[in-house]
Amino acid sequence: MQSALAQARAGQGQIVAVVGEPGVGKSRLFFEFVHSHHMDGWLVVEASSVSYGKATPYLPLIDLLKAYFKIDQLDNTRAVRAKVTGQILELDEALREAVPAVLWLIEALPPDDPFLARAPAQRRQRTLAAIKRLFLRESQVQPLFIVFEDLHWIDAETQAFLDDLINSVPTAAMVLAVNYRPEYRHGWGGKTCYRQLRIDPLPVAGAEELLHALIGDDPSIAPLKRLLIERTEGNPLFLEESVRALIETADLVGEPGVIDR
């Protein structure tokens, strides 16, 4: 994941997919990484799908926009319009045409706005294009880390947005991080900016073996090993990341077998 961040900072955007069965820690891995020091200087925007989401168009995309504009459940329509309009125009006046498209999608557009007179297909096309332009422009201001979780539940409209956005990721300061179950299918596998991480939970013995390779078998760190295994639920990627974080913060120093805490 860290190499993907470095490439994206240099303007070579990356798609990182974490694949695994239910309960292996896909969401936990994202949570820990997003809240780590690696995200310093990044704008993180997150969305997730839900089991009934395929029947509700744009649901994860609406979730993503509300997170980006910091829209609270208590915000009334006037407050929502002010947040969206102000943030878009502050980002770039050239994005003014994106305002009605975004407001339409989050159901905050005034009923007399001309945007509503457009044919449904045209509204859809303009909306998806406007949101794509918005996030690409944001990535020019600061590197952007976009999270979409549980793509196996995604609706067709949000899928269309992702498929289009992905075409522009390679030239943006952006990481698109997604997770899904193995049955989900997409057409991104052949892209050079795409990397897939498959995670399966390790049994306790396997987790102990991995930690032995990472930090050795000094008796003084046995309690730490048990804590790491319990905390990561046997997720090998998270185990490695947790050990790396402890080393980077100097909570662990030395070589395997000669560890100081």
Protein backbone atom coordinates (compact mmCIF):
# COMPACT_ATOMS: atom_id res chain seq x y z
CA MET A 1 0.00 0.00 0.00
CA GLN A 2 2.83 2.40 0.80
CA SER A 3 4.37 2.01 -2.65
CA ALA A 4 0.97 2.84 -4.16
CA LEU A 5 0.92 6.07 -2.13
CA ALA A 6 4.39 7.02 -3.33
CA GLN A 7 3.49 6.46 -6.97
CA ALA A 8 0.23 8.36 -6.63
CA ARG A 9 1.99 11.33 -5.02
CA ALA A 10 4.16 11.46 -8.14
CA GLY A 11 1.04 11.67 -10.31
CA GLN A 12 0.85 7.99 -11.20
CA GLY A 13 -2.46 7.05 -9.63
CA GLN A 14 -3.08 3.55 -8.38
CA ILE A 15 -5.98 1.16 -7.86
CA VAL A 16 -5.57 -1.13 -4.85
CA ALA A 17 -8.06 -3.96 -4.44
CA VAL A 18 -8.27 -6.06 -1.28
CA VAL A 19 -10.06 -9.34 -1.89
CA GLY A 20 -11.23 -11.87 0.66
CA GLU A 21 -14.10 -13.84 2.10
CA PRO A 22 -16.46 -12.30 4.68
CA GLY A 23 -14.85 -11.70 8.05
CA VAL A 24 -11.17 -11.81 7.06
CA GLY A 25 -10.62 -8.18 7.99
CA LYS A 26 -10.89 -6.26 4.71
CA SER A 27 -12.62 -3.30 6.34
CA ARG A 28 -10.36 -3.50 9.39
CA LEU A 29 -7.30 -3.30 7.17
CA PHE A 30 -8.62 -0.17 5.48
CA PHE A 31 -9.60 1.39 8.80
CA GLU A 32 -6.18 0.90 10.33
CA PHE A 33 -4.36 2.15 7.25
CA VAL A 34 -6.58 5.20 6.77
CA HIS A 35 -6.03 6.17 10.41
CA SER A 36 -2.28 5.64 10.29
CA HIS A 37 0.47 8.21 9.83
CA HIS A 38 0.79 7.13 6.20
CA MET A 39 -2.23 9.30 5.41
CA ASP A 40 -0.59 12.55 6.55
CA GLY A 41 -1.13 15.09 3.80
CA TRP A 42 -3.81 13.04 2.07
CA LEU A 43 -7.49 13.81 1.71
CA VAL A 44 -9.38 10.60 2.52
CA VAL A 45 -12.96 10.14 1.32
CA GLU A 46 -14.78 6.90 2.08
CA ALA A 47 -17.94 5.14 0.96
CA SER A 48 -19.35 1.67 1.37
CA SER A 49 -22.04 -0.48 -0.21
CA VAL A 50 -24.77 -2.30 1.68
CA SER A 51 -26.48 -5.62 1.06
CA TYR A 52 -29.60 -3.99 -0.39
CA GLY A 53 -27.57 -1.46 -2.37
CA LYS A 54 -27.91 -3.03 -5.82
CA ALA A 55 -31.54 -1.94 -5.86
CA THR A 56 -30.72 1.67 -4.92
CA PRO A 57 -28.95 3.65 -7.67
CA TYR A 58 -25.96 5.80 -6.68
CA LEU A 59 -26.12 4.88 -2.98
CA PRO A 60 -22.33 4.54 -2.37
CA LEU A 61 -21.66 7.55 -4.58
CA ILE A 62 -24.07 9.66 -2.55
CA ASP A 63 -22.35 8.41 0.59
CA LEU A 64 -18.99 9.45 -0.88
CA LEU A 65 -20.23 12.94 -1.76
CA LYS A 66 -21.74 13.50 1.68
CA ALA A 67 -18.43 12.53 3.24
CA TYR A 68 -16.50 14.83 0.89
CA PHE A 69 -18.75 17.83 1.56
CA LYS A 70 -19.03 16.98 5.28
CA ILE A 71 -22.81 16.89 5.12
CA ASP A 72 -24.37 16.00 8.44
CA GLN A 73 -27.71 14.30 8.98
CA LEU A 74 -28.88 17.41 10.81
CA ASP A 75 -28.10 19.73 7.87
CA ASN A 76 -31.22 21.15 6.26
CA THR A 77 -31.48 21.65 2.50
CA ARG A 78 -30.25 25.22 2.68
CA ALA A 79 -27.16 24.18 4.62
CA VAL A 80 -26.45 21.37 2.15
CA ARG A 81 -26.67 23.73 -0.81
CA ALA A 82 -24.35 26.20 0.89
CA LYS A 83 -21.75 23.53 1.68
CA VAL A 84 -21.77 22.04 -1.81
CA THR A 85 -21.78 25.35 -3.69
CA GLY A 86 -19.17 26.98 -1.49
CA GLN A 87 -16.75 24.07 -1.56
CA ILE A 88 -16.98 23.49 -5.30
CA LEU A 89 -16.52 27.15 -6.22
CA GLU A 90 -13.67 27.54 -3.75
CA LEU A 91 -11.98 24.56 -5.36
CA ASP A 92 -12.37 25.91 -8.89
CA GLU A 93 -14.81 28.43 -10.38
CA ALA A 94 -14.62 26.43 -13.61
CA LEU A 95 -16.56 23.66 -11.85
CA ARG A 96 -19.67 25.82 -11.45
CA GLU A 97 -21.63 23.54 -13.80
CA ALA A 98 -20.98 20.64 -11.41
CA VAL A 99 -23.03 22.27 -8.64
CA PRO A 100 -26.53 21.40 -9.92
CA ALA A 101 -25.45 17.88 -10.83
CA VAL A 102 -24.16 17.19 -7.33
CA LEU A 103 -27.16 18.82 -5.67
CA TRP A 104 -29.50 16.76 -7.85
CA LEU A 105 -27.85 13.52 -6.83
CA ILE A 106 -28.05 14.28 -3.12
CA GLU A 107 -31.64 15.55 -3.48
CA ALA A 108 -30.94 19.17 -2.61
CA LEU A 109 -31.48 20.85 -5.97
CA PRO A 110 -34.13 23.62 -6.09
CA PRO A 111 -37.27 22.34 -7.87
CA ASP A 112 -37.13 25.11 -10.48
CA ASP A 113 -33.50 24.51 -11.49
CA PRO A 114 -33.07 24.09 -15.29
CA PHE A 115 -30.99 20.96 -14.69
CA LEU A 116 -34.21 19.08 -13.92
CA ALA A 117 -35.54 19.82 -17.40
CA ARG A 118 -32.86 17.65 -18.99
CA ALA A 119 -33.68 14.16 -20.18
CA PRO A 120 -32.90 11.46 -17.57
CA ALA A 121 -30.06 9.98 -19.64
CA GLN A 122 -28.49 13.42 -20.04
CA ARG A 123 -28.79 14.14 -16.31
CA ARG A 124 -27.09 10.85 -15.56
CA GLN A 125 -24.26 11.48 -18.02
CA ARG A 126 -23.65 15.03 -16.83
CA THR A 127 -23.78 14.01 -13.16
CA LEU A 128 -21.24 11.21 -13.43
CA ALA A 129 -18.95 13.39 -15.53
CA ALA A 130 -19.24 16.30 -13.06
CA ILE A 131 -18.33 14.15 -10.05
CA LYS A 132 -15.38 12.69 -11.90
CA ARG A 133 -14.13 16.21 -12.79
CA LEU A 134 -14.62 17.29 -9.18
CA PHE A 135 -12.43 14.56 -7.72
CA LEU A 136 -9.78 14.84 -10.41
CA ARG A 137 -9.54 18.57 -9.74
CA GLU A 138 -9.32 17.93 -5.99
CA SER A 139 -6.43 15.54 -6.59
CA GLN A 140 -4.51 18.43 -8.17
CA VAL A 141 -4.77 20.35 -4.89
CA GLN A 142 -3.83 17.48 -2.58
CA PRO A 143 -3.35 13.74 -3.05
CA LEU A 144 -6.67 11.95 -2.82
CA PHE A 145 -7.36 8.55 -1.26
CA ILE A 146 -10.83 7.30 -2.22
CA VAL A 147 -12.23 4.21 -0.52
CA PHE A 148 -15.10 2.12 -1.86
CA GLU A 149 -15.94 -0.89 0.30
CA ASP A 150 -17.97 -4.03 -0.43
CA LEU A 151 -18.13 -3.69 -4.20
CA HIS A 152 -19.92 -7.05 -4.39
CA TRP A 153 -23.04 -5.07 -3.35
CA ILE A 154 -22.52 -2.12 -5.69
CA ASP A 155 -25.31 -0.78 -7.92
CA ALA A 156 -24.97 -0.37 -11.68
CA GLU A 157 -24.79 3.44 -11.65
CA THR A 158 -21.98 3.59 -9.09
CA GLN A 159 -20.22 0.84 -11.03
CA ALA A 160 -20.43 2.97 -14.16
CA PHE A 161 -18.88 5.89 -12.28
CA LEU A 162 -15.99 3.74 -11.05
CA ASP A 163 -15.37 2.27 -14.50
CA ASP A 164 -15.13 5.80 -15.93
CA LEU A 165 -13.04 7.21 -13.07
CA ILE A 166 -10.56 4.37 -13.34
CA ASN A 167 -9.67 5.46 -16.88
CA SER A 168 -8.30 8.71 -15.42
CA VAL A 169 -6.64 7.33 -12.27
CA PRO A 170 -3.22 6.61 -13.88
CA THR A 171 -2.53 10.32 -14.46
CA ALA A 172 -3.92 11.64 -11.15
CA ALA A 173 -2.49 12.01 -7.65
CA MET A 174 -5.04 9.52 -6.45
CA VAL A 175 -5.35 6.08 -4.90
CA LEU A 176 -8.63 4.28 -5.43
CA ALA A 177 -8.82 1.64 -2.70
CA VAL A 178 -11.58 -0.95 -3.03
CA ASN A 179 -12.45 -4.20 -1.34
CA TYR A 180 -14.77 -7.00 -2.28
CA ARG A 181 -15.49 -10.70 -2.02
CA PRO A 182 -14.03 -13.13 -4.58
CA GLU A 183 -17.30 -13.47 -6.52
CA TYR A 184 -17.24 -9.80 -7.62
CA ARG A 185 -16.17 -9.28 -11.24
CA HIS A 186 -14.70 -6.23 -12.97
CA GLY A 187 -12.66 -5.35 -16.03
CA TRP A 188 -9.70 -3.59 -14.41
CA GLY A 189 -7.34 -6.53 -14.00
CA GLY A 190 -5.30 -5.73 -17.08
CA LYS A 191 -4.53 -2.14 -16.13
CA THR A 192 -0.94 -1.42 -15.13
CA CYS A 193 -2.08 0.76 -12.23
CA TYR A 194 -4.13 -2.08 -10.71
CA ARG A 195 -2.81 -4.22 -7.89
CA GLN A 196 -4.72 -6.88 -5.98
CA LEU A 197 -4.12 -8.10 -2.44
CA ARG A 198 -5.75 -11.36 -1.46
CA ILE A 199 -6.12 -11.86 2.29
CA ASP A 200 -7.08 -14.99 4.16
CA PRO A 201 -7.10 -15.26 7.94
CA LEU A 202 -4.21 -17.19 9.42
CA PRO A 203 -4.74 -19.79 12.11
CA VAL A 204 -3.00 -18.99 15.37
CA ALA A 205 -0.06 -21.23 14.47
CA GLY A 206 0.31 -19.51 11.12
CA ALA A 207 0.14 -16.06 12.71
CA GLU A 208 2.78 -17.06 15.25
CA GLU A 209 5.00 -18.34 12.43
CA LEU A 210 4.65 -15.05 10.55
CA LEU A 211 5.49 -13.04 13.67
CA HIS A 212 8.48 -15.29 14.31
CA ALA A 213 9.80 -14.36 10.86
CA LEU A 214 9.10 -10.67 11.44
CA ILE A 215 10.31 -10.13 15.01
CA GLY A 216 11.88 -13.36 16.18
CA ASP A 217 11.14 -15.46 19.27
CA ASP A 218 12.58 -13.48 22.18
CA PRO A 219 10.53 -14.52 25.25
CA SER A 220 10.06 -10.89 26.29
CA ILE A 221 7.81 -10.21 23.30
CA ALA A 222 5.51 -13.21 23.75
CA PRO A 223 2.74 -11.02 25.29
CA LEU A 224 3.08 -8.59 22.39
CA LYS A 225 2.69 -11.42 19.89
CA ARG A 226 -0.51 -12.60 21.56
CA LEU A 227 -1.85 -9.04 21.54
CA LEU A 228 -1.01 -8.57 17.87
CA ILE A 229 -2.69 -11.83 16.87
CA GLU A 230 -5.80 -10.97 18.86
CA ARG A 231 -5.95 -7.42 17.57
CA THR A 232 -5.45 -8.30 13.91
CA GLU A 233 -7.67 -11.39 13.96
CA GLY A 234 -5.02 -13.28 12.02
CA ASN A 235 -5.00 -10.85 9.10
CA PRO A 236 -1.47 -11.26 7.65
CA LEU A 237 -1.37 -7.86 5.95
CA PHE A 238 -2.46 -6.11 9.12
CA LEU A 239 0.06 -8.13 11.15
CA GLU A 240 2.87 -6.94 8.91
CA GLU A 241 1.60 -3.35 8.98
CA SER A 242 1.30 -3.40 12.78
CA VAL A 243 4.87 -4.64 13.18
CA ARG A 244 6.11 -2.06 10.69
CA ALA A 245 4.33 0.70 12.61
CA LEU A 246 5.89 -0.44 15.90
CA ILE A 247 9.33 -0.37 14.30
CA GLU A 248 8.80 3.05 12.70
CA THR A 249 7.72 4.52 16.04
CA ALA A 250 10.67 2.83 17.78
CA ASP A 251 8.38 0.79 20.03
CA LEU A 252 10.27 -2.18 18.64
CA VAL A 253 14.01 -1.97 17.95
CA GLY A 254 16.69 -4.47 17.15
CA GLU A 255 16.80 -7.58 14.97
CA PRO A 256 14.60 -10.70 15.09
CA GLY A 257 15.59 -12.62 18.17
CA VAL A 258 17.25 -9.56 19.71
CA ILE A 259 14.27 -7.27 20.24
CA ASP A 260 14.04 -4.35 22.64
CA ARG A 261 10.75 -2.75 23.62
